[in-house]
Structure formats: C-alpha cells, structure tokens
C-alpha atoms as a PDB file:
ATOM      1  CA  MET A   1       3.917 -57.490 -18.542  1.00  0.00           C
ATOM      2  CA  ALA A   2       2.574 -60.878 -17.444  1.00  0.00           C
ATOM      3  CA  SER A   3      -1.020 -59.662 -17.783  1.00  0.00           C
ATOM      4  CA  LEU A   4      -0.315 -58.581 -21.356  1.00  0.00           C
ATOM      5  CA  ASN A   5       0.960 -62.075 -22.191  1.00  0.00           C
ATOM      6  CA  VAL A   6      -2.066 -63.695 -20.561  1.00  0.00           C
ATOM      7  CA  TYR A   7      -4.344 -61.316 -22.448  1.00  0.00           C
ATOM      8  CA  SER A   8      -2.577 -62.129 -25.738  1.00  0.00           C
ATOM      9  CA  VAL A   9      -2.936 -65.859 -25.138  1.00  0.00           C
ATOM     10  CA  LEU A  10      -6.644 -65.450 -24.364  1.00  0.00           C
ATOM     11  CA  VAL A  11      -7.225 -63.416 -27.535  1.00  0.00           C
ATOM     12  CA  VAL A  12      -5.433 -66.000 -29.679  1.00  0.00           C
ATOM     13  CA  LEU A  13      -7.379 -68.804 -27.988  1.00  0.00           C
ATOM     14  CA  PHE A  14     -10.687 -66.984 -28.530  1.00  0.00           C
ATOM     15  CA  LEU A  15      -9.943 -66.309 -32.194  1.00  0.00           C
ATOM     16  CA  THR A  16      -8.788 -69.884 -32.795  1.00  0.00           C
ATOM     17  CA  CYS A  17     -11.887 -71.335 -31.160  1.00  0.00           C
ATOM     18  CA  GLY A  18     -14.090 -68.980 -33.184  1.00  0.00           C
ATOM     19  CA  VAL A  19     -12.534 -70.120 -36.453  1.00  0.00           C
ATOM     20  CA  VAL A  20     -12.846 -73.793 -35.518  1.00  0.00           C
ATOM     21  CA  MET A  21     -16.475 -73.299 -34.492  1.00  0.00           C
ATOM     22  CA  ALA A  22     -17.249 -71.420 -37.710  1.00  0.00           C
ATOM     23  CA  THR A  23     -15.644 -74.200 -39.746  1.00  0.00           C
ATOM     24  CA  LYS A  24     -17.633 -76.886 -37.934  1.00  0.00           C
ATOM     25  CA  GLU A  25     -20.837 -74.847 -38.253  1.00  0.00           C
ATOM     26  CA  ASN A  26     -20.407 -74.423 -42.021  1.00  0.00           C
ATOM     27  CA  ASP A  27     -19.471 -78.090 -42.454  1.00  0.00           C
ATOM     28  CA  GLN A  28     -22.525 -79.133 -40.446  1.00  0.00           C
ATOM     29  CA  ILE A  29     -24.850 -76.929 -42.523  1.00  0.00           C
ATOM     30  CA  ILE A  30     -23.344 -78.253 -45.750  1.00  0.00           C
ATOM     31  CA  LYS A  31     -23.637 -81.884 -44.625  1.00  0.00           C
ATOM     32  CA  GLU A  32     -27.148 -81.661 -43.146  1.00  0.00           C
ATOM     33  CA  SER A  33     -28.514 -79.771 -46.161  1.00  0.00           C
ATOM     34  CA  ASN A  34     -26.734 -81.925 -48.766  1.00  0.00           C
ATOM     35  CA  CYS A  35     -25.409 -78.687 -50.268  1.00  0.00           C
ATOM     36  CA  GLU A  36     -22.646 -80.347 -52.259  1.00  0.00           C
ATOM     37  CA  THR A  37     -25.054 -82.509 -54.265  1.00  0.00           C
ATOM     38  CA  LYS A  38     -27.628 -79.899 -55.302  1.00  0.00           C
ATOM     39  CA  MET A  39     -25.749 -78.295 -58.227  1.00  0.00           C
ATOM     40  CA  GLY A  40     -23.981 -79.789 -61.209  1.00  0.00           C
ATOM     41  CA  LEU A  41     -20.259 -79.256 -61.652  1.00  0.00           C
ATOM     42  CA  HIS A  42     -20.713 -76.864 -64.589  1.00  0.00           C
ATOM     43  CA  CYS A  43     -22.904 -74.514 -62.552  1.00  0.00           C
ATOM     44  CA  VAL A  44     -20.675 -74.834 -59.488  1.00  0.00           C
ATOM     45  CA  LEU A  45     -17.733 -73.677 -61.616  1.00  0.00           C
ATOM     46  CA  GLU A  46     -19.738 -70.769 -63.074  1.00  0.00           C
ATOM     47  CA  ALA A  47     -20.857 -69.612 -59.635  1.00  0.00           C
ATOM     48  CA  PHE A  48     -17.351 -70.036 -58.223  1.00  0.00           C
ATOM     49  CA  THR A  49     -15.825 -68.009 -61.068  1.00  0.00           C
ATOM     50  CA  SER A  50     -18.378 -65.222 -60.703  1.00  0.00           C
ATOM     51  CA  ILE A  51     -17.636 -64.941 -56.963  1.00  0.00           C
ATOM     52  CA  PHE A  52     -13.951 -65.802 -56.574  1.00  0.00           C
ATOM     53  CA  ASN A  53     -12.683 -64.547 -59.920  1.00  0.00           C
ATOM     54  CA  ILE A  54     -14.093 -62.546 -62.813  1.00  0.00           C
ATOM     55  CA  GLY A  55     -16.912 -64.109 -64.735  1.00  0.00           C
ATOM     56  CA  SER A  56     -20.630 -64.312 -65.163  1.00  0.00           C
ATOM     57  CA  ILE A  57     -23.213 -66.901 -64.299  1.00  0.00           C
ATOM     58  CA  SER A  58     -25.766 -68.119 -66.851  1.00  0.00           C
ATOM     59  CA  ASN A  59     -29.528 -67.950 -66.345  1.00  0.00           C
ATOM     60  CA  LYS A  60     -29.664 -71.748 -65.973  1.00  0.00           C
ATOM     61  CA  CYS A  61     -26.973 -71.743 -63.292  1.00  0.00           C
ATOM     62  CA  CYS A  62     -28.658 -68.803 -61.551  1.00  0.00           C
ATOM     63  CA  GLY A  63     -31.756 -70.969 -61.328  1.00  0.00           C
ATOM     64  CA  ASP A  64     -29.705 -73.816 -59.875  1.00  0.00           C
ATOM     65  CA  LEU A  65     -28.087 -71.426 -57.377  1.00  0.00           C
ATOM     66  CA  VAL A  66     -31.478 -70.194 -56.172  1.00  0.00           C
ATOM     67  CA  VAL A  67     -32.689 -73.802 -55.829  1.00  0.00           C
ATOM     68  CA  LEU A  68     -29.505 -74.547 -53.852  1.00  0.00           C
ATOM     69  CA  GLY A  69     -30.687 -71.917 -51.376  1.00  0.00           C
ATOM     70  CA  LYS A  70     -29.109 -68.994 -49.602  1.00  0.00           C
ATOM     71  CA  VAL A  71     -28.062 -71.016 -46.534  1.00  0.00           C
ATOM     72  CA  CYS A  72     -26.103 -73.513 -48.634  1.00  0.00           C
ATOM     73  CA  HIS A  73     -24.709 -70.765 -50.845  1.00  0.00           C
ATOM     74  CA  SER A  74     -23.420 -68.786 -47.857  1.00  0.00           C
ATOM     75  CA  ALA A  75     -22.011 -71.837 -46.063  1.00  0.00           C
ATOM     76  CA  LEU A  76     -20.146 -73.008 -49.178  1.00  0.00           C
ATOM     77  CA  VAL A  77     -18.658 -69.559 -49.799  1.00  0.00           C
ATOM     78  CA  LYS A  78     -17.578 -69.231 -46.157  1.00  0.00           C
ATOM     79  CA  ARG A  79     -16.061 -72.719 -46.134  1.00  0.00           C
ATOM     80  CA  THR A  80     -14.136 -71.935 -49.309  1.00  0.00           C
ATOM     81  CA  LEU A  81     -12.780 -68.760 -47.698  1.00  0.00           C
ATOM     82  CA  GLU A  82     -11.549 -70.876 -44.764  1.00  0.00           C
ATOM     83  CA  ASN A  83      -9.379 -72.925 -47.134  1.00  0.00           C
ATOM     84  CA  PRO A  84      -5.715 -71.828 -46.854  1.00  0.00           C
ATOM     85  CA  VAL A  85      -5.465 -71.874 -50.662  1.00  0.00           C
ATOM     86  CA  PHE A  86      -7.660 -68.755 -50.713  1.00  0.00           C
ATOM     87  CA  LYS A  87      -5.995 -66.890 -47.829  1.00  0.00           C
ATOM     88  CA  TYR A  88      -4.789 -64.179 -50.219  1.00  0.00           C
ATOM     89  CA  LEU A  89      -8.357 -63.124 -51.010  1.00  0.00           C
ATOM     90  CA  ASN A  90     -10.088 -60.300 -49.181  1.00  0.00           C
ATOM     91  CA  PRO A  91     -13.033 -61.948 -47.363  1.00  0.00           C
ATOM     92  CA  ALA A  92     -15.103 -58.736 -47.386  1.00  0.00           C
ATOM     93  CA  THR A  93     -14.760 -58.484 -51.172  1.00  0.00           C
ATOM     94  CA  ILE A  94     -15.695 -62.139 -51.675  1.00  0.00           C
ATOM     95  CA  ILE A  95     -18.706 -61.905 -49.357  1.00  0.00           C
ATOM     96  CA  ALA A  96     -19.848 -58.769 -51.225  1.00  0.00           C
ATOM     97  CA  LYS A  97     -19.489 -60.550 -54.593  1.00  0.00           C
ATOM     98  CA  SER A  98     -21.306 -63.561 -53.163  1.00  0.00           C
ATOM     99  CA  ILE A  99     -24.235 -61.402 -52.035  1.00  0.00           C
ATOM    100  CA  GLN A 100     -24.262 -59.576 -55.372  1.00  0.00           C
ATOM    101  CA  THR A 101     -24.315 -62.860 -57.317  1.00  0.00           C
ATOM    102  CA  TRP A 102     -27.103 -64.199 -55.091  1.00  0.00           C
ATOM    103  CA  ASN A 103     -29.196 -61.024 -55.417  1.00  0.00           C
ATOM    104  CA  ASN A 104     -28.685 -60.866 -59.201  1.00  0.00           C
ATOM    105  CA  CYS A 105     -29.737 -64.500 -59.589  1.00  0.00           C
ATOM    106  CA  LEU A 106     -32.723 -64.077 -57.289  1.00  0.00           C
ATOM    107  CA  ALA A 107     -33.873 -60.994 -59.232  1.00  0.00           C
ATOM    108  CA  LEU A 108     -33.426 -62.837 -62.526  1.00  0.00           C
ATOM    109  CA  ILE A 109     -35.419 -65.845 -61.355  1.00  0.00           C
ATOM    110  CA  ASP A 110     -38.137 -63.723 -59.708  1.00  0.00           C
ATOM    111  CA  SER A 111     -38.577 -61.397 -62.692  1.00  0.00           C
ATOM    112  CA  PRO A 112     -41.449 -62.227 -65.033  1.00  0.00           C
ATOM    113  CA  SER A 113     -40.526 -63.674 -68.394  1.00  0.00           C
ATOM    114  CA  PRO A 114     -41.189 -61.441 -71.409  1.00  0.00           C
ATOM    115  CA  SER A 115     -44.365 -62.342 -73.284  1.00  0.00           C
ATOM    116  CA  ALA A 116     -43.968 -64.217 -76.513  1.00  0.00           C
END
C-alpha cells in the first residue's frame, strides 16, 4: 500500500513538473521570438476564432499568420490551452484545428495567384 502511495506521488510530481516546464518553454519561445507583437489584434481574433471556436480566417490574416511563423503559432496555441479558462476544451481537437488552420493558410499563401 505504501508503494502505491509513493508511486502516486511520483506520478503527480512528474506530471506537474511537465506542465510547468511546458508552460515555461512556451513562454520562453513567445518572449524570445516576439510572437505577441507580430500580428495585429484583428488578425489575432480571426485566427483565435477559427481555432478555438467556429469561424474563418481571411486571406490577409492567413498571410499574417504565415509571417508569424509555425513556432510562434504553435507556442501561442499551446499557451492558450494551458489557461484554466479553456480547460473545458479538448486539447486534441484544438491542436487539430490549429494544424488545419496553419496548413490551409500556408497552402493559400503558397498557391499561385490567378492571372489577370
């Protein structure tokens, strides 16, 4: 019985440390890359809505998202998921929507413009 309690404490400690490390890692990426200053508020809200709610992102904001970069995009999404306000969301669903939004924007930006 004592070994089960010790094991439980170790698991909780490991998980807690992992979350704290992930939070610090995302915060460090965001700070070092100036992620929070690379997109305007309008585009941030569009991207947020398309990932965390139901909505679409405009071509202009897709361009801004691609300029922001995948590292910043991922770190910001992960940090948002760490916020207790969003604890009711399914992280796997949000990560999938985040990847889908990123891939859609990247494809849109990489695709050639139609000839005039």
